[in-house]
Amino acid sequence: MFSKFKSAPEPTDIIWENRQYVKWAWNPRKSRNCRQCFAILFILAVLFSSFYFIFWLASKEMWVTKTFPAADCTEIDKTYGNQLEEYAVYDFNFIKENKDARSSGCLQCFCVQQYHDNGFEYTKDALYGTTHQQICGDFFEMYLWAKVTKNCISYFISIFNQILRMIVIYVVV
């Protein structure tokens, strides 16, 4: 009914590694939990800032895509004919004055036509309209920004994941 207890033998296989580390200590070098908390807070801060950066890039790309939707340039060329440059300048000024406005398509069709006829260097620096504006230079800048941004987001996410992985391994281990 009653069990008998024997005394335990003396320990002979104690591993004295990592005895300098305690569960909680104010010195981050001695506490695994402090290092893990620091790592988690650092990772959350980096994740939040990268989320904000990606969101900002995506919103810029979406603005350009919304402002300059796909246009049927053959139809626009038929409609406006020789007055395409004049209406492209109107379209450019309209977009500059109204931030959320959509392009009628005249600007992109005119600039693409000028690009095919005269080359990129001439088209981006040429002055158009009575006000002598670089409408195609600004258009190509916005258009290329949207295209580059789309690719940059995917590259940024891939590189960021690798860097974050190395940071986690370095801080936690």
Protein backbone atom coordinates (compact mmCIF):
# COMPACT_ATOMS: atom_id res chain seq x y z
CA MET A 1 0.00 0.00 0.00
CA PHE A 2 2.76 2.43 0.80
CA SER A 3 5.57 2.79 -1.71
CA LYS A 4 9.14 3.09 -0.67
CA PHE A 5 11.34 5.80 -2.12
CA LYS A 6 15.03 5.52 -2.66
CA SER A 7 17.32 8.51 -2.90
CA ALA A 8 18.40 9.53 -6.37
CA PRO A 9 21.95 8.85 -7.48
CA GLU A 10 24.38 11.74 -7.95
CA PRO A 11 24.09 13.29 -11.45
CA THR A 12 27.01 12.44 -13.68
CA ASP A 13 25.77 13.62 -17.08
CA ILE A 14 24.97 17.31 -16.47
CA ILE A 15 25.62 19.48 -19.54
CA TRP A 16 26.84 22.86 -18.36
CA GLU A 17 26.43 24.60 -21.75
CA ASN A 18 24.31 27.76 -21.99
CA ARG A 19 24.18 28.16 -18.20
CA GLN A 20 25.09 31.82 -18.66
CA TYR A 21 21.71 32.39 -20.32
CA VAL A 22 18.74 32.95 -18.06
CA LYS A 23 15.10 32.96 -19.09
CA TRP A 24 14.58 36.69 -18.42
CA ALA A 25 17.29 39.25 -17.75
CA TRP A 26 17.69 42.93 -18.49
CA ASN A 27 20.90 42.30 -20.33
CA PRO A 28 19.87 41.26 -23.88
CA ARG A 29 23.05 39.25 -24.32
CA LYS A 30 22.09 36.95 -21.48
CA SER A 31 18.40 36.52 -22.13
CA ARG A 32 17.01 34.54 -25.03
CA ASN A 33 13.54 35.90 -24.40
CA CYS A 34 14.76 39.50 -24.58
CA ARG A 35 16.52 38.77 -27.86
CA GLN A 36 13.42 37.08 -29.25
CA CYS A 37 11.19 40.01 -28.20
CA PHE A 38 13.63 42.44 -29.79
CA ALA A 39 13.68 40.36 -32.97
CA ILE A 40 9.88 40.21 -33.12
CA LEU A 41 9.54 43.98 -32.63
CA PHE A 42 12.22 44.67 -35.22
CA ILE A 43 10.62 42.33 -37.73
CA LEU A 44 7.19 43.90 -37.19
CA ALA A 45 8.63 47.38 -37.72
CA VAL A 46 10.38 46.30 -40.92
CA LEU A 47 7.27 44.50 -42.17
CA PHE A 48 5.09 47.56 -41.51
CA SER A 49 7.49 49.89 -43.32
CA SER A 50 7.78 47.52 -46.29
CA PHE A 51 3.99 47.18 -46.43
CA TYR A 52 3.69 50.96 -46.52
CA PHE A 53 6.34 51.23 -49.26
CA ILE A 54 4.68 48.54 -51.40
CA PHE A 55 1.26 50.16 -50.90
CA TRP A 56 2.67 53.55 -51.92
CA LEU A 57 4.27 52.11 -55.08
CA ALA A 58 1.10 50.23 -56.00
CA SER A 59 -1.06 53.33 -55.54
CA LYS A 60 1.21 55.35 -57.86
CA GLU A 61 1.06 52.61 -60.47
CA MET A 62 -2.73 52.38 -60.17
CA TRP A 63 -3.06 56.17 -60.57
CA VAL A 64 -1.14 56.10 -63.87
CA THR A 65 -3.11 53.09 -65.09
CA LYS A 66 -6.40 54.77 -64.18
CA THR A 67 -5.39 58.11 -65.70
CA PHE A 68 -4.19 56.62 -68.97
CA PRO A 69 -6.44 53.69 -69.84
CA ALA A 70 -5.89 51.74 -73.05
CA ALA A 71 -6.92 53.82 -76.06
CA ASP A 72 -7.77 52.90 -79.63
CA CYS A 73 -5.32 55.16 -81.41
CA THR A 74 -6.55 54.44 -84.95
CA GLU A 75 -10.05 55.60 -83.97
CA ILE A 76 -8.69 58.67 -82.17
CA ASP A 77 -6.49 59.53 -85.16
CA LYS A 78 -9.52 59.28 -87.47
CA THR A 79 -11.59 61.48 -85.16
CA TYR A 80 -9.08 64.26 -84.50
CA GLY A 81 -6.87 64.08 -87.59
CA ASN A 82 -4.58 67.09 -87.94
CA GLN A 83 -5.82 68.56 -84.65
CA LEU A 84 -4.46 65.68 -82.56
CA GLU A 85 -1.56 67.78 -81.22
CA GLU A 86 -3.94 70.53 -80.07
CA TYR A 87 -6.23 68.07 -78.32
CA ALA A 88 -3.22 66.28 -76.80
CA VAL A 89 -2.17 69.58 -75.20
CA TYR A 90 -5.74 70.08 -73.93
CA ASP A 91 -5.72 66.54 -72.56
CA PHE A 92 -2.36 67.13 -70.87
CA ASN A 93 -3.53 70.37 -69.22
CA PHE A 94 -6.80 68.74 -68.16
CA ILE A 95 -4.94 65.92 -66.40
CA LYS A 96 -2.54 68.38 -64.72
CA GLU A 97 -5.43 70.50 -63.39
CA ASN A 98 -7.70 67.61 -62.36
CA LYS A 99 -5.77 65.04 -60.34
CA ASP A 100 -8.32 62.19 -60.60
CA ALA A 101 -9.37 62.81 -64.21
CA ARG A 102 -9.04 60.23 -66.97
CA SER A 103 -7.23 60.97 -70.20
CA SER A 104 -9.30 61.04 -73.38
CA GLY A 105 -6.57 59.08 -75.13
CA CYS A 106 -5.36 61.96 -77.29
CA LEU A 107 -2.21 62.49 -75.24
CA GLN A 108 -0.97 58.92 -75.28
CA CYS A 109 -1.88 58.40 -78.95
CA PHE A 110 -0.15 61.62 -79.99
CA CYS A 111 2.99 60.86 -77.97
CA VAL A 112 3.20 57.28 -79.24
CA GLN A 113 2.76 58.54 -82.81
CA GLN A 114 5.52 61.14 -82.27
CA TYR A 115 7.74 58.44 -80.78
CA HIS A 116 7.31 56.22 -83.85
CA ASP A 117 7.83 59.11 -86.26
CA ASN A 118 10.71 60.98 -84.57
CA GLY A 119 12.29 58.70 -81.94
CA PHE A 120 12.34 58.94 -78.18
CA GLU A 121 14.98 61.64 -77.67
CA TYR A 122 13.24 64.15 -79.93
CA THR A 123 9.76 63.32 -78.67
CA LYS A 124 10.54 63.65 -74.95
CA ASP A 125 12.28 67.03 -75.38
CA ALA A 126 10.00 68.57 -78.02
CA LEU A 127 7.74 71.48 -77.09
CA TYR A 128 4.12 71.27 -78.20
CA GLY A 129 1.18 73.65 -78.42
CA THR A 130 1.07 77.41 -78.13
CA THR A 131 2.30 77.19 -74.53
CA HIS A 132 5.38 75.16 -75.57
CA GLN A 133 5.10 72.32 -73.08
CA GLN A 134 6.98 69.03 -72.98
CA ILE A 135 3.77 67.02 -72.87
CA CYS A 136 5.28 63.81 -74.27
CA GLY A 137 8.26 63.96 -71.93
CA ASP A 138 5.91 64.15 -68.94
CA PHE A 139 3.65 61.46 -70.37
CA PHE A 140 6.50 59.02 -70.97
CA GLU A 141 7.86 59.74 -67.50
CA MET A 142 4.52 58.82 -65.89
CA TYR A 143 4.01 55.83 -68.18
CA LEU A 144 7.49 54.43 -67.58
CA TRP A 145 7.08 55.04 -63.84
CA ALA A 146 4.03 52.78 -63.88
CA LYS A 147 5.79 50.03 -65.83
CA VAL A 148 8.94 50.13 -63.71
CA THR A 149 6.93 50.27 -60.49
CA LYS A 150 5.07 47.11 -61.40
CA ASN A 151 8.34 45.21 -61.76
CA CYS A 152 9.99 46.87 -58.76
CA ILE A 153 7.26 45.70 -56.41
CA SER A 154 7.86 42.05 -57.24
CA TYR A 155 11.66 42.41 -57.02
CA PHE A 156 11.39 44.34 -53.76
CA ILE A 157 9.24 41.65 -52.17
CA SER A 158 11.67 38.90 -53.17
CA ILE A 159 14.76 40.74 -51.98
CA PHE A 160 13.05 41.91 -48.82
CA ASN A 161 12.05 38.34 -47.91
CA GLN A 162 15.64 37.17 -48.26
CA ILE A 163 16.98 40.02 -46.13
CA LEU A 164 14.32 39.48 -43.49
CA ARG A 165 15.15 35.77 -43.41
CA MET A 166 18.83 36.53 -42.79
CA ILE A 167 17.97 39.04 -40.06
CA VAL A 168 15.73 36.56 -38.28
CA ILE A 169 18.41 33.88 -38.39
CA TYR A 170 21.07 36.30 -37.13
CA VAL A 171 19.03 37.83 -34.30
CA VAL A 172 17.23 34.78 -32.95
CA VAL A 173 19.91 32.12 -33.25
